[in-house]
Amino acid sequence: MDYDNDDYEDKFLKKLRKQETAIKAKIQAAKRQAEKRKTQAHNNRSRIIGAAIVKEMETNTELKQSLHPIIDKHTVNAKDRKSLGLPSLSKKEEQPVKETQSPPPQETNNETPSSGGFFNRNT
C-alpha cells in the first residue's frame, strides 16, 4: 500500500510542478507585455512632446537657440545628427542606434533630407 501512496504523491507533485511551470511562463509573458505597453506609452509621450517642441521652435528662435546645445550634446548617432543638420562626431563619441528605439518621426512638408536638417533652416 505504501507504493500506491508514494506513486500518487509523485504524480500529484509532477502535476503541480507542471502547473507551476505554466504559471511562471504566464507571469513572464504578462511582464513582457506590461513592459511593452510601458515602452509604447513612453514613446508616444516623447513623440507628442517632441512634436510640440519642434512646432514651437519653428517660430520661437530663443527656444531653438537654447535647445540646440542640449540636442547637440545628446544626439550621438551619425544618422540622427545628419538628419538634424548637426556636425559629425568622432567615431569614439558616436553611438549606434539601439534596436528598442522608436522609429524616426515622419518628415513634415517643410523639412526634407535635402534641406540640411532642422537646425540649418531659417526661422
PDB file of N, CA and C in Angstrom:
ATOM      1  N   MET A   1       0.798  -1.202   0.000  1.00  0.00           N
ATOM      2  CA  MET A   1       0.000   0.000   0.000  1.00  0.00           C
ATOM      3  C   MET A   1       0.838   1.261   0.000  1.00  0.00           C
ATOM      4  N   ASP A   2       1.985   1.223   0.623  1.00  0.00           N
ATOM      5  CA  ASP A   2       2.851   2.384   0.648  1.00  0.00           C
ATOM      6  C   ASP A   2       3.245   2.812  -0.759  1.00  0.00           C
ATOM      7  N   TYR A   3       3.415   1.840  -1.637  1.00  0.00           N
ATOM      8  CA  TYR A   3       3.828   2.153  -3.004  1.00  0.00           C
ATOM      9  C   TYR A   3       2.744   2.934  -3.726  1.00  0.00           C
ATOM     10  N   ASP A   4       1.495   2.604  -3.500  1.00  0.00           N
ATOM     11  CA  ASP A   4       0.397   3.326  -4.143  1.00  0.00           C
ATOM     12  C   ASP A   4       0.350   4.775  -3.673  1.00  0.00           C
ATOM     13  N   ASN A   5       0.549   4.976  -2.390  1.00  0.00           N
ATOM     14  CA  ASN A   5       0.547   6.319  -1.838  1.00  0.00           C
ATOM     15  C   ASN A   5       1.714   7.135  -2.386  1.00  0.00           C
ATOM     16  N   ASP A   6       2.916   6.520  -2.452  1.00  0.00           N
ATOM     17  CA  ASP A   6       4.086   7.199  -2.999  1.00  0.00           C
ATOM     18  C   ASP A   6       3.879   7.529  -4.476  1.00  0.00           C
ATOM     19  N   ASP A   7       3.284   6.591  -5.190  1.00  0.00           N
ATOM     20  CA  ASP A   7       3.020   6.803  -6.612  1.00  0.00           C
ATOM     21  C   ASP A   7       2.058   7.975  -6.804  1.00  0.00           C
ATOM     22  N   TYR A   8       1.013   8.026  -5.950  1.00  0.00           N
ATOM     23  CA  TYR A   8       0.047   9.111  -6.013  1.00  0.00           C
ATOM     24  C   TYR A   8       0.739  10.451  -5.722  1.00  0.00           C
ATOM     25  N   GLU A   9       1.579  10.479  -4.679  1.00  0.00           N
ATOM     26  CA  GLU A   9       2.290  11.706  -4.325  1.00  0.00           C
ATOM     27  C   GLU A   9       3.219  12.150  -5.446  1.00  0.00           C
ATOM     28  N   ASP A  10       3.903  11.206  -6.079  1.00  0.00           N
ATOM     29  CA  ASP A  10       4.791  11.542  -7.195  1.00  0.00           C
ATOM     30  C   ASP A  10       4.001  12.147  -8.358  1.00  0.00           C
ATOM     31  N   LYS A  11       2.870  11.534  -8.680  1.00  0.00           N
ATOM     32  CA  LYS A  11       2.029  12.046  -9.771  1.00  0.00           C
ATOM     33  C   LYS A  11       1.475  13.424  -9.422  1.00  0.00           C
ATOM     34  N   PHE A  12       1.047  13.571  -8.159  1.00  0.00           N
ATOM     35  CA  PHE A  12       0.486  14.841  -7.709  1.00  0.00           C
ATOM     36  C   PHE A  12       1.546  15.939  -7.763  1.00  0.00           C
ATOM     37  N   LEU A  13       2.748  15.632  -7.265  1.00  0.00           N
ATOM     38  CA  LEU A  13       3.837  16.616  -7.301  1.00  0.00           C
ATOM     39  C   LEU A  13       4.240  16.952  -8.738  1.00  0.00           C
ATOM     40  N   LYS A  14       4.265  15.948  -9.594  1.00  0.00           N
ATOM     41  CA  LYS A  14       4.608  16.173 -11.008  1.00  0.00           C
ATOM     42  C   LYS A  14       3.576  17.098 -11.652  1.00  0.00           C
ATOM     43  N   LYS A  15       2.300  16.869 -11.334  1.00  0.00           N
ATOM     44  CA  LYS A  15       1.225  17.704 -11.870  1.00  0.00           C
ATOM     45  C   LYS A  15       1.372  19.146 -11.359  1.00  0.00           C
ATOM     46  N   LEU A  16       1.660  19.301 -10.073  1.00  0.00           N
ATOM     47  CA  LEU A  16       1.829  20.636  -9.504  1.00  0.00           C
ATOM     48  C   LEU A  16       3.030  21.360 -10.114  1.00  0.00           C
ATOM     49  N   ARG A  17       4.108  20.638 -10.324  1.00  0.00           N
ATOM     50  CA  ARG A  17       5.299  21.255 -10.933  1.00  0.00           C
ATOM     51  C   ARG A  17       5.009  21.705 -12.360  1.00  0.00           C
ATOM     52  N   LYS A  18       4.242  20.915 -13.077  1.00  0.00           N
ATOM     53  CA  LYS A  18       3.857  21.279 -14.439  1.00  0.00           C
ATOM     54  C   LYS A  18       3.004  22.547 -14.418  1.00  0.00           C
ATOM     55  N   GLN A  19       2.062  22.617 -13.461  1.00  0.00           N
ATOM     56  CA  GLN A  19       1.232  23.806 -13.321  1.00  0.00           C
ATOM     57  C   GLN A  19       2.087  25.017 -12.938  1.00  0.00           C
ATOM     58  N   GLU A  20       3.053  24.791 -12.048  1.00  0.00           N
ATOM     59  CA  GLU A  20       3.947  25.855 -11.623  1.00  0.00           C
ATOM     60  C   GLU A  20       4.724  26.407 -12.820  1.00  0.00           C
ATOM     61  N   THR A  21       5.232  25.526 -13.658  1.00  0.00           N
ATOM     62  CA  THR A  21       5.979  25.939 -14.850  1.00  0.00           C
ATOM     63  C   THR A  21       5.088  26.762 -15.775  1.00  0.00           C
ATOM     64  N   ALA A  22       3.842  26.319 -15.961  1.00  0.00           N
ATOM     65  CA  ALA A  22       2.913  27.038 -16.827  1.00  0.00           C
ATOM     66  C   ALA A  22       2.594  28.416 -16.254  1.00  0.00           C
ATOM     67  N   ILE A  23       2.408  28.485 -14.953  1.00  0.00           N
ATOM     68  CA  ILE A  23       2.101  29.766 -14.303  1.00  0.00           C
ATOM     69  C   ILE A  23       3.293  30.712 -14.415  1.00  0.00           C
ATOM     70  N   LYS A  24       4.488  30.204 -14.199  1.00  0.00           N
ATOM     71  CA  LYS A  24       5.681  31.042 -14.332  1.00  0.00           C
ATOM     72  C   LYS A  24       5.805  31.587 -15.750  1.00  0.00           C
ATOM     73  N   ALA A  25       5.503  30.766 -16.739  1.00  0.00           N
ATOM     74  CA  ALA A  25       5.564  31.214 -18.133  1.00  0.00           C
ATOM     75  C   ALA A  25       4.535  32.319 -18.378  1.00  0.00           C
ATOM     76  N   LYS A  26       3.336  32.173 -17.810  1.00  0.00           N
ATOM     77  CA  LYS A  26       2.300  33.197 -17.969  1.00  0.00           C
ATOM     78  C   LYS A  26       2.716  34.498 -17.290  1.00  0.00           C
ATOM     79  N   ILE A  27       3.349  34.383 -16.126  1.00  0.00           N
ATOM     80  CA  ILE A  27       3.812  35.577 -15.418  1.00  0.00           C
ATOM     81  C   ILE A  27       4.862  36.304 -16.249  1.00  0.00           C
ATOM     82  N   GLN A  28       5.801  35.561 -16.809  1.00  0.00           N
ATOM     83  CA  GLN A  28       6.835  36.180 -17.636  1.00  0.00           C
ATOM     84  C   GLN A  28       6.229  36.854 -18.868  1.00  0.00           C
ATOM     85  N   ALA A  29       5.257  36.195 -19.488  1.00  0.00           N
ATOM     86  CA  ALA A  29       4.599  36.781 -20.657  1.00  0.00           C
ATOM     87  C   ALA A  29       3.863  38.066 -20.271  1.00  0.00           C
ATOM     88  N   ALA A  30       3.210  38.061 -19.117  1.00  0.00           N
ATOM     89  CA  ALA A  30       2.498  39.249 -18.655  1.00  0.00           C
ATOM     90  C   ALA A  30       3.480  40.379 -18.354  1.00  0.00           C
ATOM     91  N   LYS A  31       4.633  40.058 -17.775  1.00  0.00           N
ATOM     92  CA  LYS A  31       5.652  41.071 -17.503  1.00  0.00           C
ATOM     93  C   LYS A  31       6.170  41.680 -18.802  1.00  0.00           C
ATOM     94  N   ARG A  32       6.423  40.816 -19.800  1.00  0.00           N
ATOM     95  CA  ARG A  32       6.906  41.325 -21.092  1.00  0.00           C
ATOM     96  C   ARG A  32       5.859  42.245 -21.727  1.00  0.00           C
ATOM     97  N   GLN A  33       4.595  41.848 -21.659  1.00  0.00           N
ATOM     98  CA  GLN A  33       3.519  42.657 -22.241  1.00  0.00           C
ATOM     99  C   GLN A  33       3.395  43.998 -21.518  1.00  0.00           C
ATOM    100  N   ALA A  34       3.503  43.976 -20.194  1.00  0.00           N
ATOM    101  CA  ALA A  34       3.427  45.221 -19.423  1.00  0.00           C
ATOM    102  C   ALA A  34       4.592  46.141 -19.773  1.00  0.00           C
ATOM    103  N   GLU A  35       5.768  45.583 -19.917  1.00  0.00           N
ATOM    104  CA  GLU A  35       6.947  46.383 -20.279  1.00  0.00           C
ATOM    105  C   GLU A  35       6.795  46.956 -21.691  1.00  0.00           C
ATOM    106  N   LYS A  36       6.224  46.160 -22.582  1.00  0.00           N
ATOM    107  CA  LYS A  36       5.992  46.630 -23.952  1.00  0.00           C
ATOM    108  C   LYS A  36       5.012  47.807 -23.952  1.00  0.00           C
ATOM    109  N   ARG A  37       3.934  47.682 -23.167  1.00  0.00           N
ATOM    110  CA  ARG A  37       2.960  48.779 -23.085  1.00  0.00           C
ATOM    111  C   ARG A  37       3.594  50.031 -22.466  1.00  0.00           C
ATOM    112  N   LYS A  38       4.426  49.834 -21.456  1.00  0.00           N
ATOM    113  CA  LYS A  38       5.111  50.959 -20.811  1.00  0.00           C
ATOM    114  C   LYS A  38       6.024  51.673 -21.814  1.00  0.00           C
ATOM    115  N   THR A  39       6.756  50.896 -22.603  1.00  0.00           N
ATOM    116  CA  THR A  39       7.649  51.463 -23.612  1.00  0.00           C
ATOM    117  C   THR A  39       6.855  52.205 -24.678  1.00  0.00           C
ATOM    118  N   GLN A  40       5.745  51.615 -25.126  1.00  0.00           N
ATOM    119  CA  GLN A  40       4.914  52.267 -26.139  1.00  0.00           C
ATOM    120  C   GLN A  40       4.352  53.590 -25.622  1.00  0.00           C
ATOM    121  N   ALA A  41       3.913  53.609 -24.358  1.00  0.00           N
ATOM    122  CA  ALA A  41       3.379  54.842 -23.774  1.00  0.00           C
ATOM    123  C   ALA A  41       4.472  55.907 -23.683  1.00  0.00           C
ATOM    124  N   HIS A  42       5.670  55.492 -23.284  1.00  0.00           N
ATOM    125  CA  HIS A  42       6.798  56.427 -23.198  1.00  0.00           C
ATOM    126  C   HIS A  42       7.124  56.999 -24.580  1.00  0.00           C
ATOM    127  N   ASN A  43       7.193  56.117 -25.584  1.00  0.00           N
ATOM    128  CA  ASN A  43       7.497  56.566 -26.941  1.00  0.00           C
ATOM    129  C   ASN A  43       6.420  57.505 -27.461  1.00  0.00           C
ATOM    130  N   ASN A  44       5.169  57.223 -27.139  1.00  0.00           N
ATOM    131  CA  ASN A  44       4.072  58.079 -27.586  1.00  0.00           C
ATOM    132  C   ASN A  44       4.168  59.456 -26.927  1.00  0.00           C
ATOM    133  N   ARG A  45       4.429  59.481 -25.605  1.00  0.00           N
ATOM    134  CA  ARG A  45       4.594  60.769 -24.917  1.00  0.00           C
ATOM    135  C   ARG A  45       5.765  61.546 -25.511  1.00  0.00           C
ATOM    136  N   SER A  46       6.869  60.849 -25.763  1.00  0.00           N
ATOM    137  CA  SER A  46       8.048  61.510 -26.333  1.00  0.00           C
ATOM    138  C   SER A  46       7.739  62.096 -27.702  1.00  0.00           C
ATOM    139  N   ARG A  47       7.006  61.361 -28.515  1.00  0.00           N
ATOM    140  CA  ARG A  47       6.638  61.836 -29.849  1.00  0.00           C
ATOM    141  C   ARG A  47       5.762  63.080 -29.766  1.00  0.00           C
ATOM    142  N   ILE A  48       4.774  63.052 -28.878  1.00  0.00           N
ATOM    143  CA  ILE A  48       3.850  64.181 -28.736  1.00  0.00           C
ATOM    144  C   ILE A  48       4.586  65.421 -28.226  1.00  0.00           C
ATOM    145  N   ILE A  49       5.391  65.233 -27.184  1.00  0.00           N
ATOM    146  CA  ILE A  49       6.149  66.359 -26.623  1.00  0.00           C
ATOM    147  C   ILE A  49       7.141  66.891 -27.647  1.00  0.00           C
ATOM    148  N   GLY A  50       7.833  65.981 -28.325  1.00  0.00           N
ATOM    149  CA  GLY A  50       8.795  66.392 -29.347  1.00  0.00           C
ATOM    150  C   GLY A  50       8.137  67.189 -30.461  1.00  0.00           C
ATOM    151  N   ALA A  51       6.976  66.727 -30.901  1.00  0.00           N
ATOM    152  CA  ALA A  51       6.270  67.439 -31.968  1.00  0.00           C
ATOM    153  C   ALA A  51       5.868  68.842 -31.518  1.00  0.00           C
ATOM    154  N   ALA A  52       5.421  68.963 -30.271  1.00  0.00           N
ATOM    155  CA  ALA A  52       5.037  70.281 -29.751  1.00  0.00           C
ATOM    156  C   ALA A  52       6.242  71.206 -29.676  1.00  0.00           C
ATOM    157  N   ILE A  53       7.373  70.673 -29.227  1.00  0.00           N
ATOM    158  CA  ILE A  53       8.583  71.492 -29.114  1.00  0.00           C
ATOM    159  C   ILE A  53       9.083  71.906 -30.490  1.00  0.00           C
ATOM    160  N   VAL A  54       9.091  70.971 -31.440  1.00  0.00           N
ATOM    161  CA  VAL A  54       9.534  71.298 -32.798  1.00  0.00           C
ATOM    162  C   VAL A  54       8.636  72.372 -33.399  1.00  0.00           C
ATOM    163  N   LYS A  55       7.330  72.249 -33.194  1.00  0.00           N
ATOM    164  CA  LYS A  55       6.397  73.253 -33.724  1.00  0.00           C
ATOM    165  C   LYS A  55       6.697  74.629 -33.127  1.00  0.00           C
ATOM    166  N   GLU A  56       6.923  74.657 -31.812  1.00  0.00           N
ATOM    167  CA  GLU A  56       7.225  75.931 -31.155  1.00  0.00           C
ATOM    168  C   GLU A  56       8.569  76.490 -31.619  1.00  0.00           C
ATOM    169  N   MET A  57       9.542  75.621 -31.844  1.00  0.00           N
ATOM    170  CA  MET A  57      10.871  76.063 -32.271  1.00  0.00           C
ATOM    171  C   MET A  57      10.837  76.693 -33.659  1.00  0.00           C
ATOM    172  N   GLU A  58       9.827  76.371 -34.451  1.00  0.00           N
ATOM    173  CA  GLU A  58       9.722  76.947 -35.790  1.00  0.00           C
ATOM    174  C   GLU A  58       9.506  78.457 -35.732  1.00  0.00           C
ATOM    175  N   THR A  59       8.894  78.937 -34.658  1.00  0.00           N
ATOM    176  CA  THR A  59       8.621  80.371 -34.547  1.00  0.00           C
ATOM    177  C   THR A  59       9.332  81.030 -33.365  1.00  0.00           C
ATOM    178  N   ASN A  60       9.861  80.235 -32.446  1.00  0.00           N
ATOM    179  CA  ASN A  60      10.486  80.762 -31.245  1.00  0.00           C
ATOM    180  C   ASN A  60      12.002  80.560 -31.327  1.00  0.00           C
ATOM    181  N   THR A  61      12.691  81.564 -31.854  1.00  0.00           N
ATOM    182  CA  THR A  61      14.137  81.483 -32.057  1.00  0.00           C
ATOM    183  C   THR A  61      14.884  81.308 -30.740  1.00  0.00           C
ATOM    184  N   GLU A  62      14.413  81.952 -29.691  1.00  0.00           N
ATOM    185  CA  GLU A  62      15.070  81.848 -28.381  1.00  0.00           C
ATOM    186  C   GLU A  62      15.030  80.392 -27.871  1.00  0.00           C
ATOM    187  N   LEU A  63      13.891  79.758 -28.007  1.00  0.00           N
ATOM    188  CA  LEU A  63      13.774  78.349 -27.598  1.00  0.00           C
ATOM    189  C   LEU A  63      14.690  77.479 -28.450  1.00  0.00           C
ATOM    190  N   LYS A  64      14.692  77.727 -29.754  1.00  0.00           N
ATOM    191  CA  LYS A  64      15.540  76.958 -30.664  1.00  0.00           C
ATOM    192  C   LYS A  64      17.006  77.091 -30.279  1.00  0.00           C
ATOM    193  N   GLN A  65      17.443  78.299 -29.984  1.00  0.00           N
ATOM    194  CA  GLN A  65      18.840  78.533 -29.612  1.00  0.00           C
ATOM    195  C   GLN A  65      19.177  77.907 -28.259  1.00  0.00           C
ATOM    196  N   SER A  66      18.231  77.891 -27.338  1.00  0.00           N
ATOM    197  CA  SER A  66      18.512  77.311 -26.024  1.00  0.00           C
ATOM    198  C   SER A  66      18.517  75.781 -26.069  1.00  0.00           C
ATOM    199  N   LEU A  67      17.739  75.189 -26.951  1.00  0.00           N
ATOM    200  CA  LEU A  67      17.687  73.725 -27.042  1.00  0.00           C
ATOM    201  C   LEU A  67      18.792  73.150 -27.928  1.00  0.00           C
ATOM    202  N   HIS A  68      19.341  73.949 -28.819  1.00  0.00           N
ATOM    203  CA  HIS A  68      20.372  73.452 -29.742  1.00  0.00           C
ATOM    204  C   HIS A  68      21.545  72.788 -29.021  1.00  0.00           C
ATOM    205  N   PRO A  69      22.142  73.394 -27.982  1.00  0.00           N
ATOM    206  CA  PRO A  69      23.268  72.730 -27.309  1.00  0.00           C
ATOM    207  C   PRO A  69      22.859  71.415 -26.622  1.00  0.00           C
ATOM    208  N   ILE A  70      21.649  71.366 -26.118  1.00  0.00           N
ATOM    209  CA  ILE A  70      21.171  70.139 -25.459  1.00  0.00           C
ATOM    210  C   ILE A  70      21.010  69.028 -26.487  1.00  0.00           C
ATOM    211  N   ILE A  71      20.394  69.351 -27.601  1.00  0.00           N
ATOM    212  CA  ILE A  71      20.190  68.361 -28.658  1.00  0.00           C
ATOM    213  C   ILE A  71      21.531  67.941 -29.245  1.00  0.00           C
ATOM    214  N   ASP A  72      22.419  68.886 -29.420  1.00  0.00           N
ATOM    215  CA  ASP A  72      23.758  68.578 -29.931  1.00  0.00           C
ATOM    216  C   ASP A  72      24.489  67.621 -28.993  1.00  0.00           C
ATOM    217  N   LYS A  73      24.375  67.852 -27.707  1.00  0.00           N
ATOM    218  CA  LYS A  73      25.059  67.024 -26.702  1.00  0.00           C
ATOM    219  C   LYS A  73      24.512  65.596 -26.662  1.00  0.00           C
ATOM    220  N   HIS A  74      23.197  65.445 -26.763  1.00  0.00           N
ATOM    221  CA  HIS A  74      22.568  64.145 -26.566  1.00  0.00           C
ATOM    222  C   HIS A  74      22.293  63.368 -27.851  1.00  0.00           C
ATOM    223  N   THR A  75      22.492  63.962 -28.995  1.00  0.00           N
ATOM    224  CA  THR A  75      22.294  63.264 -30.259  1.00  0.00           C
ATOM    225  C   THR A  75      23.647  62.744 -30.705  1.00  0.00           C
ATOM    226  N   VAL A  76      23.856  61.422 -30.533  1.00  0.00           N
ATOM    227  CA  VAL A  76      25.175  60.843 -30.792  1.00  0.00           C
ATOM    228  C   VAL A  76      25.191  59.883 -31.976  1.00  0.00           C
ATOM    229  N   ASN A  77      24.054  59.549 -32.521  1.00  0.00           N
ATOM    230  CA  ASN A  77      24.006  58.662 -33.682  1.00  0.00           C
ATOM    231  C   ASN A  77      24.245  59.470 -34.951  1.00  0.00           C
ATOM    232  N   ALA A  78      25.121  58.974 -35.823  1.00  0.00           N
ATOM    233  CA  ALA A  78      25.508  59.708 -37.036  1.00  0.00           C
ATOM    234  C   ALA A  78      24.305  60.039 -37.922  1.00  0.00           C
ATOM    235  N   LYS A  79      23.409  59.082 -38.130  1.00  0.00           N
ATOM    236  CA  LYS A  79      22.240  59.337 -38.982  1.00  0.00           C
ATOM    237  C   LYS A  79      21.318  60.384 -38.365  1.00  0.00           C
ATOM    238  N   ASP A  80      21.140  60.309 -37.042  1.00  0.00           N
ATOM    239  CA  ASP A  80      20.303  61.301 -36.361  1.00  0.00           C
ATOM    240  C   ASP A  80      20.924  62.687 -36.469  1.00  0.00           C
ATOM    241  N   ARG A  81      22.226  62.779 -36.273  1.00  0.00           N
ATOM    242  CA  ARG A  81      22.907  64.072 -36.355  1.00  0.00           C
ATOM    243  C   ARG A  81      22.790  64.641 -37.768  1.00  0.00           C
ATOM    244  N   LYS A  82      22.958  63.782 -38.760  1.00  0.00           N
ATOM    245  CA  LYS A  82      22.869  64.237 -40.148  1.00  0.00           C
ATOM    246  C   LYS A  82      21.466  64.754 -40.453  1.00  0.00           C
ATOM    247  N   SER A  83      20.434  64.045 -39.988  1.00  0.00           N
ATOM    248  CA  SER A  83      19.066  64.472 -40.282  1.00  0.00           C
ATOM    249  C   SER A  83      18.715  65.782 -39.586  1.00  0.00           C
ATOM    250  N   LEU A  84      19.412  66.090 -38.481  1.00  0.00           N
ATOM    251  CA  LEU A  84      19.185  67.358 -37.787  1.00  0.00           C
ATOM    252  C   LEU A  84      20.122  68.460 -38.253  1.00  0.00           C
ATOM    253  N   GLY A  85      21.049  68.132 -39.150  1.00  0.00           N
ATOM    254  CA  GLY A  85      21.981  69.119 -39.646  1.00  0.00           C
ATOM    255  C   GLY A  85      23.078  69.444 -38.652  1.00  0.00           C
ATOM    256  N   LEU A  86      23.360  68.511 -37.745  1.00  0.00           N
ATOM    257  CA  LEU A  86      24.423  68.702 -36.752  1.00  0.00           C
ATOM    258  C   LEU A  86      25.740  68.172 -37.301  1.00  0.00           C
ATOM    259  N   PRO A  87      26.869  68.729 -36.870  1.00  0.00           N
ATOM    260  CA  PRO A  87      28.165  68.226 -37.347  1.00  0.00           C
ATOM    261  C   PRO A  87      28.415  66.801 -36.854  1.00  0.00           C
ATOM    262  N   SER A  88      29.205  66.067 -37.612  1.00  0.00           N
ATOM    263  CA  SER A  88      29.535  64.687 -37.248  1.00  0.00           C
ATOM    264  C   SER A  88      30.396  64.664 -35.998  1.00  0.00           C
ATOM    265  N   LEU A  89      30.275  63.562 -35.248  1.00  0.00           N
ATOM    266  CA  LEU A  89      31.123  63.334 -34.081  1.00  0.00           C
ATOM    267  C   LEU A  89      32.261  62.415 -34.474  1.00  0.00           C
ATOM    268  N   SER A  90      33.294  62.372 -33.657  1.00  0.00           N
ATOM    269  CA  SER A  90      34.350  61.392 -33.890  1.00  0.00           C
ATOM    270  C   SER A  90      33.770  60.004 -33.636  1.00  0.00           C
ATOM    271  N   LYS A  91      34.392  58.971 -34.169  1.00  0.00           N
ATOM    272  CA  LYS A  91      33.900  57.599 -34.003  1.00  0.00           C
ATOM    273  C   LYS A  91      33.790  57.225 -32.529  1.00  0.00           C
ATOM    274  N   LYS A  92      34.683  57.749 -31.696  1.00  0.00           N
ATOM    275  CA  LYS A  92      34.675  57.442 -30.269  1.00  0.00           C
ATOM    276  C   LYS A  92      33.411  57.997 -29.598  1.00  0.00           C
ATOM    277  N   GLU A  93      32.957  59.180 -30.018  1.00  0.00           N
ATOM    278  CA  GLU A  93      31.790  59.823 -29.422  1.00  0.00           C
ATOM    279  C   GLU A  93      30.476  59.254 -29.953  1.00  0.00           C
ATOM    280  N   GLU A  94      30.518  58.705 -31.157  1.00  0.00           N
ATOM    281  CA  GLU A  94      29.322  58.215 -31.818  1.00  0.00           C
ATOM    282  C   GLU A  94      28.850  56.904 -31.196  1.00  0.00           C
ATOM    283  N   GLN A  95      27.543  56.745 -31.091  1.00  0.00           N
ATOM    284  CA  GLN A  95      26.969  55.520 -30.555  1.00  0.00           C
ATOM    285  C   GLN A  95      25.948  54.976 -31.544  1.00  0.00           C
ATOM    286  N   PRO A  96      25.853  53.634 -31.654  1.00  0.00           N
ATOM    287  CA  PRO A  96      24.857  53.054 -32.560  1.00  0.00           C
ATOM    288  C   PRO A  96      23.449  53.222 -32.015  1.00  0.00           C
ATOM    289  N   VAL A  97      22.477  53.181 -32.914  1.00  0.00           N
ATOM    290  CA  VAL A  97      21.075  53.241 -32.518  1.00  0.00           C
ATOM    291  C   VAL A  97      20.706  51.919 -31.864  1.00  0.00           C
ATOM    292  N   LYS A  98      20.011  51.982 -30.730  1.00  0.00           N
ATOM    293  CA  LYS A  98      19.557  50.775 -30.055  1.00  0.00           C
ATOM    294  C   LYS A  98      18.362  50.210 -30.817  1.00  0.00           C
ATOM    295  N   GLU A  99      18.243  48.892 -30.809  1.00  0.00           N
ATOM    296  CA  GLU A  99      17.143  48.224 -31.502  1.00  0.00           C
ATOM    297  C   GLU A  99      15.784  48.614 -30.926  1.00  0.00           C
ATOM    298  N   THR A 100      15.727  48.989 -29.649  1.00  0.00           N
ATOM    299  CA  THR A 100      14.460  49.261 -28.997  1.00  0.00           C
ATOM    300  C   THR A 100      13.956  50.678 -29.195  1.00  0.00           C
ATOM    301  N   GLN A 101      14.731  51.519 -29.864  1.00  0.00           N
ATOM    302  CA  GLN A 101      14.292  52.894 -30.059  1.00  0.00           C
ATOM    303  C   GLN A 101      13.132  52.927 -31.038  1.00  0.00           C
ATOM    304  N   SER A 102      12.270  53.901 -30.851  1.00  0.00           N
ATOM    305  CA  SER A 102      11.152  54.052 -31.770  1.00  0.00           C
ATOM    306  C   SER A 102      11.665  54.548 -33.111  1.00  0.00           C
ATOM    307  N   PRO A 103      10.909  54.278 -34.174  1.00  0.00           N
ATOM    308  CA  PRO A 103      11.350  54.722 -35.499  1.00  0.00           C
ATOM    309  C   PRO A 103      11.362  56.232 -35.568  1.00  0.00           C
ATOM    310  N   PRO A 104      12.163  56.789 -36.495  1.00  0.00           N
ATOM    311  CA  PRO A 104      12.228  58.243 -36.609  1.00  0.00           C
ATOM    312  C   PRO A 104      10.879  58.808 -37.014  1.00  0.00           C
ATOM    313  N   PRO A 105      10.569  60.036 -36.593  1.00  0.00           N
ATOM    314  CA  PRO A 105       9.282  60.634 -36.947  1.00  0.00           C
ATOM    315  C   PRO A 105       9.185  60.872 -38.443  1.00  0.00           C
ATOM    316  N   GLN A 106       7.969  60.902 -38.937  1.00  0.00           N
ATOM    317  CA  GLN A 106       7.738  61.158 -40.356  1.00  0.00           C
ATOM    318  C   GLN A 106       8.149  62.583 -40.676  1.00  0.00           C
ATOM    319  N   GLU A 107       8.693  62.765 -41.862  1.00  0.00           N
ATOM    320  CA  GLU A 107       9.120  64.100 -42.275  1.00  0.00           C
ATOM    321  C   GLU A 107       7.899  64.980 -42.487  1.00  0.00           C
ATOM    322  N   THR A 108       8.017  66.238 -42.108  1.00  0.00           N
ATOM    323  CA  THR A 108       6.943  67.176 -42.347  1.00  0.00           C
ATOM    324  C   THR A 108       7.133  67.798 -43.718  1.00  0.00           C
ATOM    325  N   ASN A 109       6.128  68.489 -44.189  1.00  0.00           N
ATOM    326  CA  ASN A 109       6.206  69.051 -45.527  1.00  0.00           C
ATOM    327  C   ASN A 109       7.206  70.199 -45.629  1.00  0.00           C
ATOM    328  N   ASN A 110       7.658  70.751 -44.494  1.00  0.00           N
ATOM    329  CA  ASN A 110       8.615  71.843 -44.562  1.00  0.00           C
ATOM    330  C   ASN A 110      10.035  71.406 -44.233  1.00  0.00           C
ATOM    331  N   GLU A 111      10.246  70.090 -44.072  1.00  0.00           N
ATOM    332  CA  GLU A 111      11.593  69.594 -43.776  1.00  0.00           C
ATOM    333  C   GLU A 111      11.872  68.377 -44.647  1.00  0.00           C
ATOM    334  N   THR A 112      12.836  68.495 -45.500  1.00  0.00           N
ATOM    335  CA  THR A 112      13.217  67.370 -46.344  1.00  0.00           C
ATOM    336  C   THR A 112      14.672  67.050 -46.077  1.00  0.00           C
ATOM    337  N   PRO A 113      15.120  65.824 -46.405  1.00  0.00           N
ATOM    338  CA  PRO A 113      16.520  65.492 -46.185  1.00  0.00           C
ATOM    339  C   PRO A 113      17.466  66.465 -46.878  1.00  0.00           C
ATOM    340  N   SER A 114      17.047  67.027 -47.995  1.00  0.00           N
ATOM    341  CA  SER A 114      17.929  67.944 -48.718  1.00  0.00           C
ATOM    342  C   SER A 114      17.955  69.342 -48.108  1.00  0.00           C
ATOM    343  N   SER A 115      17.077  69.607 -47.122  1.00  0.00           N
ATOM    344  CA  SER A 115      17.036  70.948 -46.535  1.00  0.00           C
ATOM    345  C   SER A 115      18.160  71.185 -45.544  1.00  0.00           C
ATOM    346  N   GLY A 116      18.970  70.145 -45.225  1.00  0.00           N
ATOM    347  CA  GLY A 116      20.113  70.335 -44.335  1.00  0.00           C
ATOM    348  C   GLY A 116      19.776  70.169 -42.878  1.00  0.00           C
ATOM    349  N   GLY A 117      18.582  69.704 -42.559  1.00  0.00           N
ATOM    350  CA  GLY A 117      18.237  69.444 -41.173  1.00  0.00           C
ATOM    351  C   GLY A 117      17.528  70.606 -40.511  1.00  0.00           C
ATOM    352  N   PHE A 118      16.982  70.318 -39.370  1.00  0.00           N
ATOM    353  CA  PHE A 118      16.159  71.299 -38.654  1.00  0.00           C
ATOM    354  C   PHE A 118      16.960  72.515 -38.226  1.00  0.00           C
ATOM    355  N   PHE A 119      18.171  72.334 -37.749  1.00  0.00           N
ATOM    356  CA  PHE A 119      18.929  73.444 -37.209  1.00  0.00           C
ATOM    357  C   PHE A 119      19.576  74.309 -38.278  1.00  0.00           C
ATOM    358  N   ASN A 120      19.534  73.893 -39.518  1.00  0.00           N
ATOM    359  CA  ASN A 120      20.100  74.704 -40.591  1.00  0.00           C
ATOM    360  C   ASN A 120      19.029  75.512 -41.319  1.00  0.00           C
ATOM    361  N   ARG A 121      17.777  75.371 -40.868  1.00  0.00           N
ATOM    362  CA  ARG A 121      16.702  76.121 -41.505  1.00  0.00           C
ATOM    363  C   ARG A 121      16.627  77.520 -40.915  1.00  0.00           C
ATOM    364  N   ASN A 122      16.211  78.422 -41.717  1.00  0.00           N
ATOM    365  CA  ASN A 122      15.974  79.799 -41.222  1.00  0.00           C
ATOM    366  C   ASN A 122      14.567  79.872 -40.671  1.00  0.00           C
ATOM    367  N   THR A 123      14.452  80.464 -39.483  1.00  0.00           N
ATOM    368  CA  THR A 123      13.115  80.617 -38.893  1.00  0.00           C
ATOM    369  C   THR A 123      12.701  82.058 -38.893  1.00  0.00           C
TER     370      THR A 123
END
